Amino acid sequence: MSKSKERSFLAEPGGKLLWVLLAVIVFVFAWWPTDIYFYEISLVGWLMFGSLFIWLLLTIIYVRWMESIEDETLDEKDEKENDIA
């Protein structure tokens, strides 16, 4: 990217998804000291198991988001090359 199009880390998809990741981690670790059981498994265990699906969803979102950004930059490069030619 050119210097005029550089974005801050928080404007990038990875930066935004990092905050989601941190929020889930804080939620699980805040619940950790409680001794609640559901079907004889600690609630923290259920939260960690459920978070696996959240990570999978975040991975899919991140890949799709980055592909769309790459497609936009490739389209811009193609337009510039066509303008020069």
PDB file of N, CA and C in Angstrom:
ATOM      1  N   MET A   1       0.832  -1.188   0.000  1.00  0.00           N
ATOM      2  CA  MET A   1       0.000   0.000   0.000  1.00  0.00           C
ATOM      3  C   MET A   1       0.869   1.241   0.000  1.00  0.00           C
ATOM      4  N   SER A   2       0.378   2.250  -0.624  1.00  0.00           N
ATOM      5  CA  SER A   2       1.128   3.492  -0.609  1.00  0.00           C
ATOM      6  C   SER A   2       0.966   4.154   0.749  1.00  0.00           C
ATOM      7  N   LYS A   3       1.839   5.099   1.027  1.00  0.00           N
ATOM      8  CA  LYS A   3       1.804   5.734   2.341  1.00  0.00           C
ATOM      9  C   LYS A   3       0.489   6.453   2.592  1.00  0.00           C
ATOM     10  N   SER A   4      -0.146   6.980   1.543  1.00  0.00           N
ATOM     11  CA  SER A   4      -1.396   7.700   1.738  1.00  0.00           C
ATOM     12  C   SER A   4      -2.542   6.755   2.090  1.00  0.00           C
ATOM     13  N   LYS A   5      -2.395   5.467   1.793  1.00  0.00           N
ATOM     14  CA  LYS A   5      -3.463   4.508   2.069  1.00  0.00           C
ATOM     15  C   LYS A   5      -3.180   3.637   3.290  1.00  0.00           C
ATOM     16  N   GLU A   6      -2.111   3.881   4.006  1.00  0.00           N
ATOM     17  CA  GLU A   6      -1.809   3.086   5.184  1.00  0.00           C
ATOM     18  C   GLU A   6      -2.866   3.341   6.247  1.00  0.00           C
ATOM     19  N   ARG A   7      -3.270   2.260   6.895  1.00  0.00           N
ATOM     20  CA  ARG A   7      -4.266   2.358   7.949  1.00  0.00           C
ATOM     21  C   ARG A   7      -3.632   1.973   9.272  1.00  0.00           C
ATOM     22  N   SER A   8      -4.239   2.426  10.350  1.00  0.00           N
ATOM     23  CA  SER A   8      -3.742   2.028  11.653  1.00  0.00           C
ATOM     24  C   SER A   8      -4.072   0.559  11.872  1.00  0.00           C
ATOM     25  N   PHE A   9      -3.390  -0.050  12.827  1.00  0.00           N
ATOM     26  CA  PHE A   9      -3.606  -1.464  13.103  1.00  0.00           C
ATOM     27  C   PHE A   9      -5.056  -1.729  13.503  1.00  0.00           C
ATOM     28  N   LEU A  10      -5.670  -0.804  14.230  1.00  0.00           N
ATOM     29  CA  LEU A  10      -7.035  -1.014  14.687  1.00  0.00           C
ATOM     30  C   LEU A  10      -8.051  -0.915  13.556  1.00  0.00           C
ATOM     31  N   ALA A  11      -7.676  -0.315  12.438  1.00  0.00           N
ATOM     32  CA  ALA A  11      -8.575  -0.232  11.293  1.00  0.00           C
ATOM     33  C   ALA A  11      -8.499  -1.486  10.426  1.00  0.00           C
ATOM     34  N   GLU A  12      -7.486  -2.292  10.628  1.00  0.00           N
ATOM     35  CA  GLU A  12      -7.315  -3.528   9.865  1.00  0.00           C
ATOM     36  C   GLU A  12      -8.217  -4.616  10.449  1.00  0.00           C
ATOM     37  N   PRO A  13      -8.602  -5.600   9.644  1.00  0.00           N
ATOM     38  CA  PRO A  13      -9.438  -6.701  10.151  1.00  0.00           C
ATOM     39  C   PRO A  13      -8.801  -7.442  11.323  1.00  0.00           C
ATOM     40  N   GLY A  14      -7.498  -7.661  11.263  1.00  0.00           N
ATOM     41  CA  GLY A  14      -6.825  -8.360  12.359  1.00  0.00           C
ATOM     42  C   GLY A  14      -6.916  -7.603  13.672  1.00  0.00           C
ATOM     43  N   GLY A  15      -6.838  -6.296  13.616  1.00  0.00           N
ATOM     44  CA  GLY A  15      -6.945  -5.481  14.826  1.00  0.00           C
ATOM     45  C   GLY A  15      -8.324  -5.554  15.447  1.00  0.00           C
ATOM     46  N   LYS A  16      -9.342  -5.502  14.602  1.00  0.00           N
ATOM     47  CA  LYS A  16     -10.722  -5.581  15.112  1.00  0.00           C
ATOM     48  C   LYS A  16     -11.026  -6.958  15.673  1.00  0.00           C
ATOM     49  N   LEU A  17     -10.582  -7.995  14.978  1.00  0.00           N
ATOM     50  CA  LEU A  17     -10.849  -9.347  15.462  1.00  0.00           C
ATOM     51  C   LEU A  17     -10.025  -9.671  16.710  1.00  0.00           C
ATOM     52  N   LEU A  18      -8.893  -9.008  16.874  1.00  0.00           N
ATOM     53  CA  LEU A  18      -8.106  -9.180  18.089  1.00  0.00           C
ATOM     54  C   LEU A  18      -8.905  -8.724  19.306  1.00  0.00           C
ATOM     55  N   TRP A  19      -9.637  -7.622  19.178  1.00  0.00           N
ATOM     56  CA  TRP A  19     -10.450  -7.130  20.296  1.00  0.00           C
ATOM     57  C   TRP A  19     -11.564  -8.110  20.638  1.00  0.00           C
ATOM     58  N   VAL A  20     -12.148  -8.756  19.628  1.00  0.00           N
ATOM     59  CA  VAL A  20     -13.164  -9.779  19.895  1.00  0.00           C
ATOM     60  C   VAL A  20     -12.537 -10.945  20.645  1.00  0.00           C
ATOM     61  N   LEU A  21     -11.373 -11.371  20.196  1.00  0.00           N
ATOM     62  CA  LEU A  21     -10.649 -12.455  20.848  1.00  0.00           C
ATOM     63  C   LEU A  21     -10.358 -12.115  22.311  1.00  0.00           C
ATOM     64  N   LEU A  22      -9.876 -10.924  22.558  1.00  0.00           N
ATOM     65  CA  LEU A  22      -9.568 -10.505  23.929  1.00  0.00           C
ATOM     66  C   LEU A  22     -10.819 -10.445  24.797  1.00  0.00           C
ATOM     67  N   ALA A  23     -11.939 -10.004  24.227  1.00  0.00           N
ATOM     68  CA  ALA A  23     -13.192  -9.940  24.987  1.00  0.00           C
ATOM     69  C   ALA A  23     -13.644 -11.335  25.417  1.00  0.00           C
ATOM     70  N   VAL A  24     -13.534 -12.303  24.531  1.00  0.00           N
ATOM     71  CA  VAL A  24     -13.919 -13.673  24.884  1.00  0.00           C
ATOM     72  C   VAL A  24     -12.981 -14.231  25.951  1.00  0.00           C
ATOM     73  N   ILE A  25     -11.695 -13.972  25.813  1.00  0.00           N
ATOM     74  CA  ILE A  25     -10.729 -14.453  26.804  1.00  0.00           C
ATOM     75  C   ILE A  25     -11.013 -13.854  28.176  1.00  0.00           C
ATOM     76  N   VAL A  26     -11.289 -12.557  28.222  1.00  0.00           N
ATOM     77  CA  VAL A  26     -11.592 -11.899  29.500  1.00  0.00           C
ATOM     78  C   VAL A  26     -12.861 -12.498  30.106  1.00  0.00           C
ATOM     79  N   PHE A  27     -13.867 -12.757  29.276  1.00  0.00           N
ATOM     80  CA  PHE A  27     -15.108 -13.351  29.762  1.00  0.00           C
ATOM     81  C   PHE A  27     -14.853 -14.727  30.380  1.00  0.00           C
ATOM     82  N   VAL A  28     -14.081 -15.562  29.700  1.00  0.00           N
ATOM     83  CA  VAL A  28     -13.806 -16.919  30.216  1.00  0.00           C
ATOM     84  C   VAL A  28     -12.991 -16.842  31.496  1.00  0.00           C
ATOM     85  N   PHE A  29     -11.956 -16.029  31.531  1.00  0.00           N
ATOM     86  CA  PHE A  29     -11.125 -15.965  32.733  1.00  0.00           C
ATOM     87  C   PHE A  29     -11.820 -15.260  33.886  1.00  0.00           C
ATOM     88  N   ALA A  30     -12.775 -14.394  33.617  1.00  0.00           N
ATOM     89  CA  ALA A  30     -13.547 -13.783  34.698  1.00  0.00           C
ATOM     90  C   ALA A  30     -14.450 -14.831  35.342  1.00  0.00           C
ATOM     91  N   TRP A  31     -14.890 -15.808  34.561  1.00  0.00           N
ATOM     92  CA  TRP A  31     -15.776 -16.844  35.055  1.00  0.00           C
ATOM     93  C   TRP A  31     -14.995 -17.972  35.736  1.00  0.00           C
ATOM     94  N   TRP A  32     -13.714 -18.045  35.506  1.00  0.00           N
ATOM     95  CA  TRP A  32     -12.890 -19.169  35.960  1.00  0.00           C
ATOM     96  C   TRP A  32     -13.035 -19.479  37.451  1.00  0.00           C
ATOM     97  N   PRO A  33     -13.007 -18.483  38.349  1.00  0.00           N
ATOM     98  CA  PRO A  33     -13.038 -18.827  39.789  1.00  0.00           C
ATOM     99  C   PRO A  33     -14.367 -19.406  40.270  1.00  0.00           C
ATOM    100  N   THR A  34     -15.437 -19.232  39.509  1.00  0.00           N
ATOM    101  CA  THR A  34     -16.722 -19.759  39.961  1.00  0.00           C
ATOM    102  C   THR A  34     -16.733 -21.275  39.816  1.00  0.00           C
ATOM    103  N   ASP A  35     -17.461 -21.895  40.689  1.00  0.00           N
ATOM    104  CA  ASP A  35     -17.496 -23.354  40.705  1.00  0.00           C
ATOM    105  C   ASP A  35     -18.891 -23.820  40.308  1.00  0.00           C
ATOM    106  N   ILE A  36     -19.260 -23.558  39.057  1.00  0.00           N
ATOM    107  CA  ILE A  36     -20.568 -23.923  38.539  1.00  0.00           C
ATOM    108  C   ILE A  36     -20.394 -25.118  37.605  1.00  0.00           C
ATOM    109  N   TYR A  37     -21.253 -26.114  37.753  1.00  0.00           N
ATOM    110  CA  TYR A  37     -21.174 -27.302  36.920  1.00  0.00           C
ATOM    111  C   TYR A  37     -22.463 -27.482  36.125  1.00  0.00           C
ATOM    112  N   PHE A  38     -22.311 -27.890  34.872  1.00  0.00           N
ATOM    113  CA  PHE A  38     -23.442 -28.144  33.995  1.00  0.00           C
ATOM    114  C   PHE A  38     -23.196 -29.507  33.357  1.00  0.00           C
ATOM    115  N   TYR A  39     -24.083 -30.467  33.621  1.00  0.00           N
ATOM    116  CA  TYR A  39     -23.877 -31.857  33.188  1.00  0.00           C
ATOM    117  C   TYR A  39     -22.530 -32.399  33.683  1.00  0.00           C
ATOM    118  N   GLU A  40     -22.216 -32.095  34.913  1.00  0.00           N
ATOM    119  CA  GLU A  40     -21.004 -32.551  35.613  1.00  0.00           C
ATOM    120  C   GLU A  40     -19.703 -32.089  34.962  1.00  0.00           C
ATOM    121  N   ILE A  41     -19.765 -31.043  34.160  1.00  0.00           N
ATOM    122  CA  ILE A  41     -18.575 -30.437  33.566  1.00  0.00           C
ATOM    123  C   ILE A  41     -18.573 -28.976  33.978  1.00  0.00           C
ATOM    124  N   SER A  42     -17.422 -28.479  34.391  1.00  0.00           N
ATOM    125  CA  SER A  42     -17.304 -27.100  34.826  1.00  0.00           C
ATOM    126  C   SER A  42     -17.757 -26.150  33.721  1.00  0.00           C
ATOM    127  N   LEU A  43     -18.388 -25.072  34.126  1.00  0.00           N
ATOM    128  CA  LEU A  43     -18.873 -24.094  33.149  1.00  0.00           C
ATOM    129  C   LEU A  43     -17.720 -23.499  32.350  1.00  0.00           C
ATOM    130  N   VAL A  44     -16.559 -23.385  32.963  1.00  0.00           N
ATOM    131  CA  VAL A  44     -15.391 -22.877  32.238  1.00  0.00           C
ATOM    132  C   VAL A  44     -15.033 -23.826  31.102  1.00  0.00           C
ATOM    133  N   GLY A  45     -15.117 -25.120  31.344  1.00  0.00           N
ATOM    134  CA  GLY A  45     -14.872 -26.094  30.285  1.00  0.00           C
ATOM    135  C   GLY A  45     -15.847 -25.935  29.138  1.00  0.00           C
ATOM    136  N   TRP A  46     -17.128 -25.707  29.462  1.00  0.00           N
ATOM    137  CA  TRP A  46     -18.115 -25.473  28.414  1.00  0.00           C
ATOM    138  C   TRP A  46     -17.811 -24.186  27.649  1.00  0.00           C
ATOM    139  N   LEU A  47     -17.388 -23.147  28.373  1.00  0.00           N
ATOM    140  CA  LEU A  47     -17.061 -21.880  27.709  1.00  0.00           C
ATOM    141  C   LEU A  47     -15.874 -22.044  26.771  1.00  0.00           C
ATOM    142  N   MET A  48     -14.866 -22.779  27.217  1.00  0.00           N
ATOM    143  CA  MET A  48     -13.706 -22.992  26.353  1.00  0.00           C
ATOM    144  C   MET A  48     -14.081 -23.835  25.136  1.00  0.00           C
ATOM    145  N   PHE A  49     -14.940 -24.844  25.331  1.00  0.00           N
ATOM    146  CA  PHE A  49     -15.397 -25.654  24.212  1.00  0.00           C
ATOM    147  C   PHE A  49     -16.194 -24.799  23.221  1.00  0.00           C
ATOM    148  N   GLY A  50     -17.084 -23.964  23.739  1.00  0.00           N
ATOM    149  CA  GLY A  50     -17.873 -23.085  22.869  1.00  0.00           C
ATOM    150  C   GLY A  50     -17.025 -22.066  22.154  1.00  0.00           C
ATOM    151  N   SER A  51     -15.943 -21.657  22.790  1.00  0.00           N
ATOM    152  CA  SER A  51     -15.085 -20.655  22.156  1.00  0.00           C
ATOM    153  C   SER A  51     -14.354 -21.220  20.943  1.00  0.00           C
ATOM    154  N   LEU A  52     -14.220 -22.530  20.860  1.00  0.00           N
ATOM    155  CA  LEU A  52     -13.611 -23.133  19.665  1.00  0.00           C
ATOM    156  C   LEU A  52     -14.410 -22.757  18.416  1.00  0.00           C
ATOM    157  N   PHE A  53     -15.718 -22.755  18.533  1.00  0.00           N
ATOM    158  CA  PHE A  53     -16.565 -22.397  17.400  1.00  0.00           C
ATOM    159  C   PHE A  53     -16.475 -20.898  17.098  1.00  0.00           C
ATOM    160  N   ILE A  54     -16.271 -20.109  18.149  1.00  0.00           N
ATOM    161  CA  ILE A  54     -16.073 -18.667  17.938  1.00  0.00           C
ATOM    162  C   ILE A  54     -14.776 -18.444  17.171  1.00  0.00           C
ATOM    163  N   TRP A  55     -13.709 -19.161  17.540  1.00  0.00           N
ATOM    164  CA  TRP A  55     -12.423 -18.998  16.837  1.00  0.00           C
ATOM    165  C   TRP A  55     -12.559 -19.417  15.382  1.00  0.00           C
ATOM    166  N   LEU A  56     -13.293 -20.499  15.132  1.00  0.00           N
ATOM    167  CA  LEU A  56     -13.510 -20.944  13.761  1.00  0.00           C
ATOM    168  C   LEU A  56     -14.253 -19.876  12.962  1.00  0.00           C
ATOM    169  N   LEU A  57     -15.282 -19.315  13.547  1.00  0.00           N
ATOM    170  CA  LEU A  57     -16.037 -18.258  12.883  1.00  0.00           C
ATOM    171  C   LEU A  57     -15.162 -17.033  12.628  1.00  0.00           C
ATOM    172  N   LEU A  58     -14.355 -16.650  13.619  1.00  0.00           N
ATOM    173  CA  LEU A  58     -13.460 -15.502  13.449  1.00  0.00           C
ATOM    174  C   LEU A  58     -12.437 -15.752  12.349  1.00  0.00           C
ATOM    175  N   THR A  59     -11.958 -16.985  12.252  1.00  0.00           N
ATOM    176  CA  THR A  59     -10.996 -17.322  11.202  1.00  0.00           C
ATOM    177  C   THR A  59     -11.625 -17.183   9.825  1.00  0.00           C
ATOM    178  N   ILE A  60     -12.839 -17.682   9.675  1.00  0.00           N
ATOM    179  CA  ILE A  60     -13.537 -17.569   8.390  1.00  0.00           C
ATOM    180  C   ILE A  60     -13.789 -16.109   8.041  1.00  0.00           C
ATOM    181  N   ILE A  61     -14.231 -15.322   9.021  1.00  0.00           N
ATOM    182  CA  ILE A  61     -14.474 -13.893   8.783  1.00  0.00           C
ATOM    183  C   ILE A  61     -13.185 -13.202   8.369  1.00  0.00           C
ATOM    184  N   TYR A  62     -12.094 -13.490   9.077  1.00  0.00           N
ATOM    185  CA  TYR A  62     -10.816 -12.847   8.785  1.00  0.00           C
ATOM    186  C   TYR A  62     -10.342 -13.171   7.372  1.00  0.00           C
ATOM    187  N   VAL A  63     -10.424 -14.428   6.978  1.00  0.00           N
ATOM    188  CA  VAL A  63      -9.956 -14.824   5.643  1.00  0.00           C
ATOM    189  C   VAL A  63     -10.782 -14.148   4.569  1.00  0.00           C
ATOM    190  N   ARG A  64     -12.106 -14.158   4.719  1.00  0.00           N
ATOM    191  CA  ARG A  64     -12.973 -13.511   3.724  1.00  0.00           C
ATOM    192  C   ARG A  64     -12.705 -12.012   3.647  1.00  0.00           C
ATOM    193  N   TRP A  65     -12.524 -11.390   4.813  1.00  0.00           N
ATOM    194  CA  TRP A  65     -12.283  -9.948   4.884  1.00  0.00           C
ATOM    195  C   TRP A  65     -10.973  -9.589   4.186  1.00  0.00           C
ATOM    196  N   MET A  66      -9.923 -10.362   4.473  1.00  0.00           N
ATOM    197  CA  MET A  66      -8.634 -10.087   3.861  1.00  0.00           C
ATOM    198  C   MET A  66      -8.669 -10.329   2.352  1.00  0.00           C
ATOM    199  N   GLU A  67      -9.402 -11.355   1.911  1.00  0.00           N
ATOM    200  CA  GLU A  67      -9.530 -11.602   0.476  1.00  0.00           C
ATOM    201  C   GLU A  67     -10.217 -10.437  -0.219  1.00  0.00           C
ATOM    202  N   SER A  68     -11.235  -9.866   0.412  1.00  0.00           N
ATOM    203  CA  SER A  68     -11.921  -8.727  -0.206  1.00  0.00           C
ATOM    204  C   SER A  68     -11.007  -7.507  -0.277  1.00  0.00           C
ATOM    205  N   ILE A  69     -10.184  -7.304   0.740  1.00  0.00           N
ATOM    206  CA  ILE A  69      -9.242  -6.175   0.724  1.00  0.00           C
ATOM    207  C   ILE A  69      -8.192  -6.394  -0.363  1.00  0.00           C
ATOM    208  N   GLU A  70      -7.684  -7.621  -0.485  1.00  0.00           N
ATOM    209  CA  GLU A  70      -6.701  -7.908  -1.527  1.00  0.00           C
ATOM    210  C   GLU A  70      -7.292  -7.724  -2.917  1.00  0.00           C
ATOM    211  N   ASP A  71      -8.544  -8.148  -3.102  1.00  0.00           N
ATOM    212  CA  ASP A  71      -9.201  -7.964  -4.399  1.00  0.00           C
ATOM    213  C   ASP A  71      -9.332  -6.482  -4.741  1.00  0.00           C
ATOM    214  N   GLU A  72      -9.662  -5.659  -3.746  1.00  0.00           N
ATOM    215  CA  GLU A  72      -9.783  -4.216  -3.972  1.00  0.00           C
ATOM    216  C   GLU A  72      -8.440  -3.620  -4.379  1.00  0.00           C
ATOM    217  N   THR A  73      -7.369  -4.020  -3.697  1.00  0.00           N
ATOM    218  CA  THR A  73      -6.054  -3.459  -4.032  1.00  0.00           C
ATOM    219  C   THR A  73      -5.586  -3.937  -5.394  1.00  0.00           C
ATOM    220  N   LEU A  74      -5.895  -5.195  -5.739  1.00  0.00           N
ATOM    221  CA  LEU A  74      -5.526  -5.689  -7.069  1.00  0.00           C
ATOM    222  C   LEU A  74      -6.301  -4.957  -8.161  1.00  0.00           C
ATOM    223  N   ASP A  75      -7.582  -4.676  -7.905  1.00  0.00           N
ATOM    224  CA  ASP A  75      -8.384  -3.929  -8.873  1.00  0.00           C
ATOM    225  C   ASP A  75      -7.831  -2.521  -9.069  1.00  0.00           C
ATOM    226  N   GLU A  76      -7.397  -1.893  -7.961  1.00  0.00           N
ATOM    227  CA  GLU A  76      -6.827  -0.544  -8.061  1.00  0.00           C
ATOM    228  C   GLU A  76      -5.531  -0.563  -8.860  1.00  0.00           C
ATOM    229  N   LYS A  77      -4.696  -1.590  -8.642  1.00  0.00           N
ATOM    230  CA  LYS A  77      -3.441  -1.694  -9.383  1.00  0.00           C
ATOM    231  C   LYS A  77      -3.714  -1.901 -10.875  1.00  0.00           C
ATOM    232  N   ASP A  78      -4.710  -2.744 -11.186  1.00  0.00           N
ATOM    233  CA  ASP A  78      -5.068  -2.979 -12.591  1.00  0.00           C
ATOM    234  C   ASP A  78      -5.549  -1.688 -13.254  1.00  0.00           C
ATOM    235  N   GLU A  79      -6.347  -0.910 -12.516  1.00  0.00           N
ATOM    236  CA  GLU A  79      -6.838   0.361 -13.077  1.00  0.00           C
ATOM    237  C   GLU A  79      -5.686   1.316 -13.324  1.00  0.00           C
ATOM    238  N   LYS A  80      -4.713   1.371 -12.418  1.00  0.00           N
ATOM    239  CA  LYS A  80      -3.558   2.249 -12.619  1.00  0.00           C
ATOM    240  C   LYS A  80      -2.728   1.804 -13.820  1.00  0.00           C
ATOM    241  N   GLU A  81      -2.542   0.488 -13.969  1.00  0.00           N
ATOM    242  CA  GLU A  81      -1.773  -0.011 -15.107  1.00  0.00           C
ATOM    243  C   GLU A  81      -2.492   0.284 -16.411  1.00  0.00           C
ATOM    244  N   ASN A  82      -3.805   0.176 -16.428  1.00  0.00           N
ATOM    245  CA  ASN A  82      -4.577   0.470 -17.643  1.00  0.00           C
ATOM    246  C   ASN A  82      -4.541   1.952 -17.980  1.00  0.00           C
ATOM    247  N   ASP A  83      -4.495   2.801 -16.939  1.00  0.00           N
ATOM    248  CA  ASP A  83      -4.408   4.245 -17.179  1.00  0.00           C
ATOM    249  C   ASP A  83      -3.059   4.627 -17.782  1.00  0.00           C
ATOM    250  N   ILE A  84      -2.005   3.932 -17.323  1.00  0.00           N
ATOM    251  CA  ILE A  84      -0.651   4.234 -17.823  1.00  0.00           C
ATOM    252  C   ILE A  84      -0.497   3.761 -19.260  1.00  0.00           C
ATOM    253  N   ALA A  85      -1.067   2.604 -19.569  1.00  0.00           N
ATOM    254  CA  ALA A  85      -0.910   2.021 -20.911  1.00  0.00           C
ATOM    255  C   ALA A  85      -1.694   2.715 -21.979  1.00  0.00           C
TER     256      ALA A  85
END
